[in-house]
PDB file of N, CA and C in Angstrom:
ATOM      1  N   MET A   1      88.005 152.188 165.400  1.00  0.00           N
ATOM      2  CA  MET A   1      88.106 152.716 166.732  1.00  0.00           C
ATOM      3  C   MET A   1      88.617 154.152 166.635  1.00  0.00           C
ATOM      4  N   ARG A   2      88.008 155.013 167.393  1.00  0.00           N
ATOM      5  CA  ARG A   2      88.425 156.408 167.383  1.00  0.00           C
ATOM      6  C   ARG A   2      89.705 156.612 168.175  1.00  0.00           C
ATOM      7  N   ARG A   3      90.420 157.664 167.844  1.00  0.00           N
ATOM      8  CA  ARG A   3      91.665 157.994 168.536  1.00  0.00           C
ATOM      9  C   ARG A   3      91.384 158.387 169.974  1.00  0.00           C
ATOM     10  N   MET A   4      92.306 158.008 170.831  1.00  0.00           N
ATOM     11  CA  MET A   4      92.186 158.349 172.244  1.00  0.00           C
ATOM     12  C   MET A   4      92.416 159.847 172.452  1.00  0.00           C
ATOM     13  N   VAL A   5      91.743 160.375 173.466  1.00  0.00           N
ATOM     14  CA  VAL A   5      91.989 161.727 173.940  1.00  0.00           C
ATOM     15  C   VAL A   5      92.661 161.532 175.295  1.00  0.00           C
ATOM     16  N   ILE A   6      93.969 161.756 175.337  1.00  0.00           N
ATOM     17  CA  ILE A   6      94.791 161.379 176.486  1.00  0.00           C
ATOM     18  C   ILE A   6      94.211 161.869 177.809  1.00  0.00           C
ATOM     19  N   GLU A   7      93.821 163.138 177.899  1.00  0.00           N
ATOM     20  CA  GLU A   7      93.336 163.659 179.185  1.00  0.00           C
ATOM     21  C   GLU A   7      91.979 163.103 179.592  1.00  0.00           C
ATOM     22  N   GLN A   8      91.257 162.478 178.667  1.00  0.00           N
ATOM     23  CA  GLN A   8      89.945 161.910 178.990  1.00  0.00           C
ATOM     24  C   GLN A   8      89.955 160.389 179.057  1.00  0.00           C
ATOM     25  N   ASP A   9      90.893 159.762 178.382  1.00  0.00           N
ATOM     26  CA  ASP A   9      90.826 158.316 178.181  1.00  0.00           C
ATOM     27  C   ASP A   9      91.884 157.515 178.938  1.00  0.00           C
ATOM     28  N   ILE A  10      92.578 158.144 179.852  1.00  0.00           N
ATOM     29  CA  ILE A  10      93.491 157.424 180.737  1.00  0.00           C
ATOM     30  C   ILE A  10      93.105 157.789 182.163  1.00  0.00           C
ATOM     31  N   ARG A  11      92.702 156.802 182.932  1.00  0.00           N
ATOM     32  CA  ARG A  11      92.209 157.038 184.292  1.00  0.00           C
ATOM     33  C   ARG A  11      92.842 156.069 185.279  1.00  0.00           C
ATOM     34  N   PRO A  12      93.099 156.546 186.494  1.00  0.00           N
ATOM     35  CA  PRO A  12      93.639 155.647 187.519  1.00  0.00           C
ATOM     36  C   PRO A  12      92.581 154.668 188.021  1.00  0.00           C
ATOM     37  N   MET A  13      93.043 153.545 188.507  1.00  0.00           N
ATOM     38  CA  MET A  13      92.164 152.500 189.029  1.00  0.00           C
ATOM     39  C   MET A  13      91.227 153.056 190.101  1.00  0.00           C
ATOM     40  N   SER A  14      91.710 153.938 190.959  1.00  0.00           N
ATOM     41  CA  SER A  14      90.872 154.481 192.032  1.00  0.00           C
ATOM     42  C   SER A  14      89.659 155.219 191.468  1.00  0.00           C
ATOM     43  N   GLU A  15      89.859 156.024 190.407  1.00  0.00           N
ATOM     44  CA  GLU A  15      88.731 156.712 189.772  1.00  0.00           C
ATOM     45  C   GLU A  15      87.808 155.704 189.092  1.00  0.00           C
ATOM     46  N   PHE A  16      88.392 154.702 188.456  1.00  0.00           N
ATOM     47  CA  PHE A  16      87.592 153.695 187.758  1.00  0.00           C
ATOM     48  C   PHE A  16      86.693 152.955 188.733  1.00  0.00           C
ATOM     49  N   ARG A  17      87.252 152.552 189.873  1.00  0.00           N
ATOM     50  CA  ARG A  17      86.455 151.830 190.879  1.00  0.00           C
ATOM     51  C   ARG A  17      85.255 152.640 191.332  1.00  0.00           C
ATOM     52  N   SER A  18      85.460 153.923 191.549  1.00  0.00           N
ATOM     53  CA  SER A  18      84.371 154.745 192.090  1.00  0.00           C
ATOM     54  C   SER A  18      83.378 155.199 191.026  1.00  0.00           C
ATOM     55  N   GLY A  19      83.726 155.062 189.748  1.00  0.00           N
ATOM     56  CA  GLY A  19      82.821 155.545 188.708  1.00  0.00           C
ATOM     57  C   GLY A  19      82.674 154.607 187.538  1.00  0.00           C
ATOM     58  N   VAL A  20      82.617 153.312 187.806  1.00  0.00           N
ATOM     59  CA  VAL A  20      82.560 152.311 186.728  1.00  0.00           C
ATOM     60  C   VAL A  20      81.456 152.623 185.730  1.00  0.00           C
ATOM     61  N   ALA A  21      80.259 152.870 186.195  1.00  0.00           N
ATOM     62  CA  ALA A  21      79.118 153.086 185.290  1.00  0.00           C
ATOM     63  C   ALA A  21      79.365 154.270 184.357  1.00  0.00           C
ATOM     64  N   SER A  22      79.912 155.347 184.890  1.00  0.00           N
ATOM     65  CA  SER A  22      80.151 156.520 184.042  1.00  0.00           C
ATOM     66  C   SER A  22      81.236 156.242 183.005  1.00  0.00           C
ATOM     67  N   PHE A  23      82.233 155.448 183.375  1.00  0.00           N
ATOM     68  CA  PHE A  23      83.286 155.119 182.417  1.00  0.00           C
ATOM     69  C   PHE A  23      82.782 154.168 181.340  1.00  0.00           C
ATOM     70  N   VAL A  24      81.936 153.230 181.707  1.00  0.00           N
ATOM     71  CA  VAL A  24      81.335 152.335 180.710  1.00  0.00           C
ATOM     72  C   VAL A  24      80.499 153.157 179.740  1.00  0.00           C
ATOM     73  N   LYS A  25      79.740 154.115 180.255  1.00  0.00           N
ATOM     74  CA  LYS A  25      78.928 154.990 179.401  1.00  0.00           C
ATOM     75  C   LYS A  25      79.831 155.812 178.482  1.00  0.00           C
ATOM     76  N   GLN A  26      80.925 156.338 179.011  1.00  0.00           N
ATOM     77  CA  GLN A  26      81.861 157.128 178.210  1.00  0.00           C
ATOM     78  C   GLN A  26      82.401 156.303 177.049  1.00  0.00           C
ATOM     79  N   VAL A  27      82.828 155.085 177.333  1.00  0.00           N
ATOM     80  CA  VAL A  27      83.381 154.211 176.296  1.00  0.00           C
ATOM     81  C   VAL A  27      82.319 153.888 175.250  1.00  0.00           C
ATOM     82  N   HIS A  28      81.105 153.622 175.711  1.00  0.00           N
ATOM     83  CA  HIS A  28      80.008 153.319 174.781  1.00  0.00           C
ATOM     84  C   HIS A  28      79.689 154.527 173.899  1.00  0.00           C
ATOM     85  N   ASP A  29      79.601 155.702 174.506  1.00  0.00           N
ATOM     86  CA  ASP A  29      79.224 156.907 173.765  1.00  0.00           C
ATOM     87  C   ASP A  29      80.312 157.391 172.809  1.00  0.00           C
ATOM     88  N   THR A  30      81.564 157.335 173.236  1.00  0.00           N
ATOM     89  CA  THR A  30      82.653 157.890 172.420  1.00  0.00           C
ATOM     90  C   THR A  30      83.263 156.877 171.466  1.00  0.00           C
ATOM     91  N   LYS A  31      83.079 155.589 171.748  1.00  0.00           N
ATOM     92  CA  LYS A  31      83.694 154.500 170.970  1.00  0.00           C
ATOM     93  C   LYS A  31      85.216 154.527 171.080  1.00  0.00           C
ATOM     94  N   ARG A  32      85.732 155.226 172.093  1.00  0.00           N
ATOM     95  CA  ARG A  32      87.170 155.273 172.338  1.00  0.00           C
ATOM     96  C   ARG A  32      87.496 154.351 173.502  1.00  0.00           C
ATOM     97  N   PRO A  33      88.676 153.722 173.468  1.00  0.00           N
ATOM     98  CA  PRO A  33      89.071 152.871 174.588  1.00  0.00           C
ATOM     99  C   PRO A  33      89.426 153.717 175.808  1.00  0.00           C
ATOM    100  N   LEU A  34      89.345 153.108 176.973  1.00  0.00           N
ATOM    101  CA  LEU A  34      89.731 153.767 178.221  1.00  0.00           C
ATOM    102  C   LEU A  34      90.864 152.955 178.836  1.00  0.00           C
ATOM    103  N   VAL A  35      92.011 153.593 179.025  1.00  0.00           N
ATOM    104  CA  VAL A  35      93.161 152.931 179.640  1.00  0.00           C
ATOM    105  C   VAL A  35      93.068 153.136 181.146  1.00  0.00           C
ATOM    106  N   ILE A  36      93.177 152.050 181.885  1.00  0.00           N
ATOM    107  CA  ILE A  36      93.114 152.093 183.344  1.00  0.00           C
ATOM    108  C   ILE A  36      94.533 151.909 183.865  1.00  0.00           C
ATOM    109  N   THR A  37      94.949 152.809 184.747  1.00  0.00           N
ATOM    110  CA  THR A  37      96.305 152.749 185.282  1.00  0.00           C
ATOM    111  C   THR A  37      96.294 152.405 186.763  1.00  0.00           C
ATOM    112  N   GLN A  38      97.409 151.870 187.213  1.00  0.00           N
ATOM    113  CA  GLN A  38      97.623 151.588 188.633  1.00  0.00           C
ATOM    114  C   GLN A  38      99.079 151.918 188.925  1.00  0.00           C
ATOM    115  N   HIS A  39      99.283 152.798 189.873  1.00  0.00           N
ATOM    116  CA  HIS A  39     100.635 153.265 190.202  1.00  0.00           C
ATOM    117  C   HIS A  39     101.329 153.855 188.975  1.00  0.00           C
ATOM    118  N   GLY A  40     100.537 154.552 188.147  1.00  0.00           N
ATOM    119  CA  GLY A  40     101.092 155.236 186.983  1.00  0.00           C
ATOM    120  C   GLY A  40     101.376 154.374 185.774  1.00  0.00           C
ATOM    121  N   LYS A  41     101.027 153.101 185.838  1.00  0.00           N
ATOM    122  CA  LYS A  41     101.277 152.203 184.699  1.00  0.00           C
ATOM    123  C   LYS A  41      99.963 151.618 184.196  1.00  0.00           C
ATOM    124  N   GLY A  42      99.865 151.440 182.892  1.00  0.00           N
ATOM    125  CA  GLY A  42      98.675 150.845 182.311  1.00  0.00           C
ATOM    126  C   GLY A  42      98.488 149.407 182.761  1.00  0.00           C
ATOM    127  N   VAL A  43      97.255 149.081 183.235  1.00  0.00           N
ATOM    128  CA  VAL A  43      96.975 147.715 183.680  1.00  0.00           C
ATOM    129  C   VAL A  43      95.774 147.101 182.961  1.00  0.00           C
ATOM    130  N   GLY A  44      95.031 147.916 182.228  1.00  0.00           N
ATOM    131  CA  GLY A  44      93.874 147.372 181.530  1.00  0.00           C
ATOM    132  C   GLY A  44      93.303 148.375 180.552  1.00  0.00           C
ATOM    133  N   VAL A  45      92.451 147.864 179.669  1.00  0.00           N
ATOM    134  CA  VAL A  45      91.783 148.705 178.679  1.00  0.00           C
ATOM    135  C   VAL A  45      90.320 148.295 178.637  1.00  0.00           C
ATOM    136  N   LEU A  46      89.432 149.277 178.682  1.00  0.00           N
ATOM    137  CA  LEU A  46      88.003 149.037 178.567  1.00  0.00           C
ATOM    138  C   LEU A  46      87.582 149.464 177.169  1.00  0.00           C
ATOM    139  N   LEU A  47      86.949 148.533 176.434  1.00  0.00           N
ATOM    140  CA  LEU A  47      86.522 148.796 175.057  1.00  0.00           C
ATOM    141  C   LEU A  47      85.025 148.609 174.911  1.00  0.00           C
ATOM    142  N   ASP A  48      84.429 149.343 173.992  1.00  0.00           N
ATOM    143  CA  ASP A  48      83.049 149.109 173.593  1.00  0.00           C
ATOM    144  C   ASP A  48      82.979 147.751 172.897  1.00  0.00           C
ATOM    145  N   VAL A  49      81.936 146.994 173.128  1.00  0.00           N
ATOM    146  CA  VAL A  49      81.819 145.646 172.559  1.00  0.00           C
ATOM    147  C   VAL A  49      81.876 145.675 171.033  1.00  0.00           C
ATOM    148  N   GLY A  50      81.170 146.591 170.423  1.00  0.00           N
ATOM    149  CA  GLY A  50      81.183 146.686 168.962  1.00  0.00           C
ATOM    150  C   GLY A  50      82.571 146.989 168.425  1.00  0.00           C
ATOM    151  N   GLU A  51      83.289 147.875 169.092  1.00  0.00           N
ATOM    152  CA  GLU A  51      84.652 148.209 168.690  1.00  0.00           C
ATOM    153  C   GLU A  51      85.574 147.009 168.861  1.00  0.00           C
ATOM    154  N   PHE A  52      85.381 146.243 169.944  1.00  0.00           N
ATOM    155  CA  PHE A  52      86.184 145.047 170.171  1.00  0.00           C
ATOM    156  C   PHE A  52      85.948 144.020 169.066  1.00  0.00           C
ATOM    157  N   GLU A  53      84.677 143.802 168.708  1.00  0.00           N
ATOM    158  CA  GLU A  53      84.361 142.840 167.652  1.00  0.00           C
ATOM    159  C   GLU A  53      84.957 143.274 166.314  1.00  0.00           C
ATOM    160  N   ALA A  54      84.869 144.573 166.011  1.00  0.00           N
ATOM    161  CA  ALA A  54      85.447 145.076 164.763  1.00  0.00           C
ATOM    162  C   ALA A  54      86.961 144.878 164.748  1.00  0.00           C
ATOM    163  N   MET A  55      87.592 145.096 165.890  1.00  0.00           N
ATOM    164  CA  MET A  55      89.028 144.913 165.998  1.00  0.00           C
ATOM    165  C   MET A  55      89.395 143.441 165.785  1.00  0.00           C
ATOM    166  N   GLN A  56      88.615 142.528 166.346  1.00  0.00           N
ATOM    167  CA  GLN A  56      88.869 141.092 166.173  1.00  0.00           C
ATOM    168  C   GLN A  56      88.759 140.701 164.704  1.00  0.00           C
ATOM    169  N   GLU A  57      87.750 141.236 164.003  1.00  0.00           N
ATOM    170  CA  GLU A  57      87.577 140.933 162.583  1.00  0.00           C
ATOM    171  C   GLU A  57      88.777 141.421 161.768  1.00  0.00           C
ATOM    172  N   LYS A  58      89.269 142.619 162.106  1.00  0.00           N
ATOM    173  CA  LYS A  58      90.432 143.159 161.397  1.00  0.00           C
ATOM    174  C   LYS A  58      91.664 142.295 161.644  1.00  0.00           C
ATOM    175  N   ILE A  59      91.839 141.845 162.858  1.00  0.00           N
ATOM    176  CA  ILE A  59      92.983 140.986 163.182  1.00  0.00           C
ATOM    177  C   ILE A  59      92.909 139.686 162.387  1.00  0.00           C
ATOM    178  N   GLU A  60      91.710 139.073 162.317  1.00  0.00           N
ATOM    179  CA  GLU A  60      91.550 137.840 161.556  1.00  0.00           C
ATOM    180  C   GLU A  60      91.864 138.058 160.080  1.00  0.00           C
ATOM    181  N   LEU A  61      91.413 139.181 159.521  1.00  0.00           N
ATOM    182  CA  LEU A  61      91.691 139.489 158.119  1.00  0.00           C
ATOM    183  C   LEU A  61      93.191 139.664 157.891  1.00  0.00           C
ATOM    184  N   LEU A  62      93.853 140.387 158.786  1.00  0.00           N
ATOM    185  CA  LEU A  62      95.300 140.581 158.658  1.00  0.00           C
ATOM    186  C   LEU A  62      96.049 139.255 158.766  1.00  0.00           C
ATOM    187  N   GLU A  63      95.583 138.356 159.646  1.00  0.00           N
ATOM    188  CA  GLU A  63      96.218 137.036 159.747  1.00  0.00           C
ATOM    189  C   GLU A  63      96.042 136.255 158.456  1.00  0.00           C
ATOM    190  N   ASP A  64      94.849 136.319 157.860  1.00  0.00           N
ATOM    191  CA  ASP A  64      94.607 135.642 156.576  1.00  0.00           C
ATOM    192  C   ASP A  64      95.512 136.198 155.478  1.00  0.00           C
ATOM    193  N   ILE A  65      95.673 137.508 155.466  1.00  0.00           N
ATOM    194  CA  ILE A  65      96.543 138.136 154.469  1.00  0.00           C
ATOM    195  C   ILE A  65      97.978 137.670 154.670  1.00  0.00           C
ATOM    196  N   GLN A  66      98.426 137.621 155.929  1.00  0.00           N
ATOM    197  CA  GLN A  66      99.802 137.178 156.201  1.00  0.00           C
ATOM    198  C   GLN A  66     100.015 135.730 155.767  1.00  0.00           C
ATOM    199  N   ILE A  67      99.033 134.871 156.007  1.00  0.00           N
ATOM    200  CA  ILE A  67      99.125 133.477 155.563  1.00  0.00           C
ATOM    201  C   ILE A  67      99.230 133.425 154.038  1.00  0.00           C
ATOM    202  N   SER A  68      98.420 134.227 153.354  1.00  0.00           N
ATOM    203  CA  SER A  68      98.445 134.262 151.887  1.00  0.00           C
ATOM    204  C   SER A  68      99.801 134.716 151.374  1.00  0.00           C
ATOM    205  N   ILE A  69     100.356 135.752 152.003  1.00  0.00           N
ATOM    206  CA  ILE A  69     101.667 136.244 151.583  1.00  0.00           C
ATOM    207  C   ILE A  69     102.722 135.157 151.780  1.00  0.00           C
ATOM    208  N   SER A  70     102.678 134.471 152.906  1.00  0.00           N
ATOM    209  CA  SER A  70     103.639 133.391 153.178  1.00  0.00           C
ATOM    210  C   SER A  70     103.509 132.276 152.154  1.00  0.00           C
ATOM    211  N   GLN A  71     102.278 131.930 151.789  1.00  0.00           N
ATOM    212  CA  GLN A  71     102.063 130.880 150.799  1.00  0.00           C
ATOM    213  C   GLN A  71     102.608 131.297 149.437  1.00  0.00           C
ATOM    214  N   LEU A  72     102.395 132.561 149.072  1.00  0.00           N
ATOM    215  CA  LEU A  72     102.908 133.042 147.787  1.00  0.00           C
ATOM    216  C   LEU A  72     104.436 133.058 147.782  1.00  0.00           C
ATOM    217  N   GLU A  73     105.030 133.492 148.888  1.00  0.00           N
ATOM    218  CA  GLU A  73     106.488 133.510 148.974  1.00  0.00           C
ATOM    219  C   GLU A  73     107.077 132.104 148.894  1.00  0.00           C
ATOM    220  N   ALA A  74     106.335 131.113 149.382  1.00  0.00           N
ATOM    221  CA  ALA A  74     106.790 129.719 149.330  1.00  0.00           C
ATOM    222  C   ALA A  74     106.384 129.060 148.010  1.00  0.00           C
ATOM    223  N   GLU A  75     105.862 129.865 147.096  1.00  0.00           N
ATOM    224  CA  GLU A  75     105.420 129.402 145.774  1.00  0.00           C
ATOM    225  C   GLU A  75     104.343 128.329 145.873  1.00  0.00           C
ATOM    226  N   ASN A  76     103.456 128.478 146.875  1.00  0.00           N
ATOM    227  CA  ASN A  76     102.329 127.564 147.022  1.00  0.00           C
ATOM    228  C   ASN A  76     101.043 128.161 146.454  1.00  0.00           C
ATOM    229  N   GLY A  77     101.149 129.299 145.809  1.00  0.00           N
ATOM    230  CA  GLY A  77      99.972 129.956 145.255  1.00  0.00           C
ATOM    231  C   GLY A  77      99.707 129.510 143.832  1.00  0.00           C
ATOM    232  N   VAL A  78      98.633 130.035 143.264  1.00  0.00           N
ATOM    233  CA  VAL A  78      98.305 129.773 141.861  1.00  0.00           C
ATOM    234  C   VAL A  78      98.248 131.111 141.134  1.00  0.00           C
ATOM    235  N   SER A  79      98.505 131.081 139.846  1.00  0.00           N
ATOM    236  CA  SER A  79      98.478 132.319 139.065  1.00  0.00           C
ATOM    237  C   SER A  79      97.045 132.834 138.954  1.00  0.00           C
ATOM    238  N   HIS A  80      96.944 134.091 138.635  1.00  0.00           N
ATOM    239  CA  HIS A  80      95.627 134.709 138.469  1.00  0.00           C
ATOM    240  C   HIS A  80      94.838 133.982 137.371  1.00  0.00           C
ATOM    241  N   LYS A  81      95.507 133.638 136.297  1.00  0.00           N
ATOM    242  CA  LYS A  81      94.845 132.972 135.170  1.00  0.00           C
ATOM    243  C   LYS A  81      94.262 131.630 135.607  1.00  0.00           C
ATOM    244  N   VAL A  82      95.046 130.838 136.334  1.00  0.00           N
ATOM    245  CA  VAL A  82      94.585 129.524 136.798  1.00  0.00           C
ATOM    246  C   VAL A  82      93.417 129.699 137.783  1.00  0.00           C
ATOM    247  N   ALA A  83      93.551 130.640 138.691  1.00  0.00           N
ATOM    248  CA  ALA A  83      92.479 130.870 139.670  1.00  0.00           C
ATOM    249  C   ALA A  83      91.199 131.296 138.965  1.00  0.00           C
ATOM    250  N   TRP A  84      91.324 132.169 137.980  1.00  0.00           N
ATOM    251  CA  TRP A  84      90.157 132.643 137.229  1.00  0.00           C
ATOM    252  C   TRP A  84      89.473 131.478 136.508  1.00  0.00           C
ATOM    253  N   GLN A  85      90.261 130.602 135.899  1.00  0.00           N
ATOM    254  CA  GLN A  85      89.696 129.446 135.196  1.00  0.00           C
ATOM    255  C   GLN A  85      88.968 128.523 136.180  1.00  0.00           C
ATOM    256  N   GLU A  86      89.531 128.316 137.354  1.00  0.00           N
ATOM    257  CA  GLU A  86      88.889 127.460 138.357  1.00  0.00           C
ATOM    258  C   GLU A  86      87.564 128.057 138.828  1.00  0.00           C
ATOM    259  N   VAL A  87      87.527 129.363 139.014  1.00  0.00           N
ATOM    260  CA  VAL A  87      86.290 130.036 139.423  1.00  0.00           C
ATOM    261  C   VAL A  87      85.229 129.879 138.344  1.00  0.00           C
ATOM    262  N   LEU A  88      85.600 130.102 137.106  1.00  0.00           N
ATOM    263  CA  LEU A  88      84.645 129.974 135.990  1.00  0.00           C
ATOM    264  C   LEU A  88      84.113 128.545 135.887  1.00  0.00           C
ATOM    265  N   GLN A  89      84.995 127.555 136.063  1.00  0.00           N
ATOM    266  CA  GLN A  89      84.545 126.164 135.997  1.00  0.00           C
ATOM    267  C   GLN A  89      83.548 125.863 137.106  1.00  0.00           C
ATOM    268  N   ARG A  90      83.783 126.345 138.280  1.00  0.00           N
ATOM    269  CA  ARG A  90      82.866 126.103 139.404  1.00  0.00           C
ATOM    270  C   ARG A  90      81.511 126.789 139.173  1.00  0.00           C
ATOM    271  N   LEU A  91      81.538 127.949 138.540  1.00  0.00           N
ATOM    272  CA  LEU A  91      80.293 128.665 138.264  1.00  0.00           C
ATOM    273  C   LEU A  91      79.464 127.955 137.194  1.00  0.00           C
ATOM    274  N   GLU A  92      80.120 127.238 136.289  1.00  0.00           N
ATOM    275  CA  GLU A  92      79.421 126.533 135.218  1.00  0.00           C
ATOM    276  C   GLU A  92      78.689 125.294 135.717  1.00  0.00           C
ATOM    277  N   ARG A  93      79.055 124.791 136.870  1.00  0.00           N
ATOM    278  CA  ARG A  93      78.421 123.563 137.383  1.00  0.00           C
ATOM    279  C   ARG A  93      77.002 123.749 137.778  1.00  0.00           C
TER     280      ARG A  93
END
């Protein structure tokens, strides 16, 4: 996801309501999120679908990494040597 440009990517709800199509096009073209505000506070974010999917994949990968780290810290992991031997055995089948 590209970095936000504050003066372009934060808009009040009133502007968003009157120009939804143009804001959807902006998000699609720039691949940057659009923060929607109401009474000066952020109330929503509009994202390009592709950027949202990529973000979800990254979150899932980070969760998998965190689970792996927790398992290793709890000594539930296997050594590199043992893992390598198991992979080789499976490939020989």
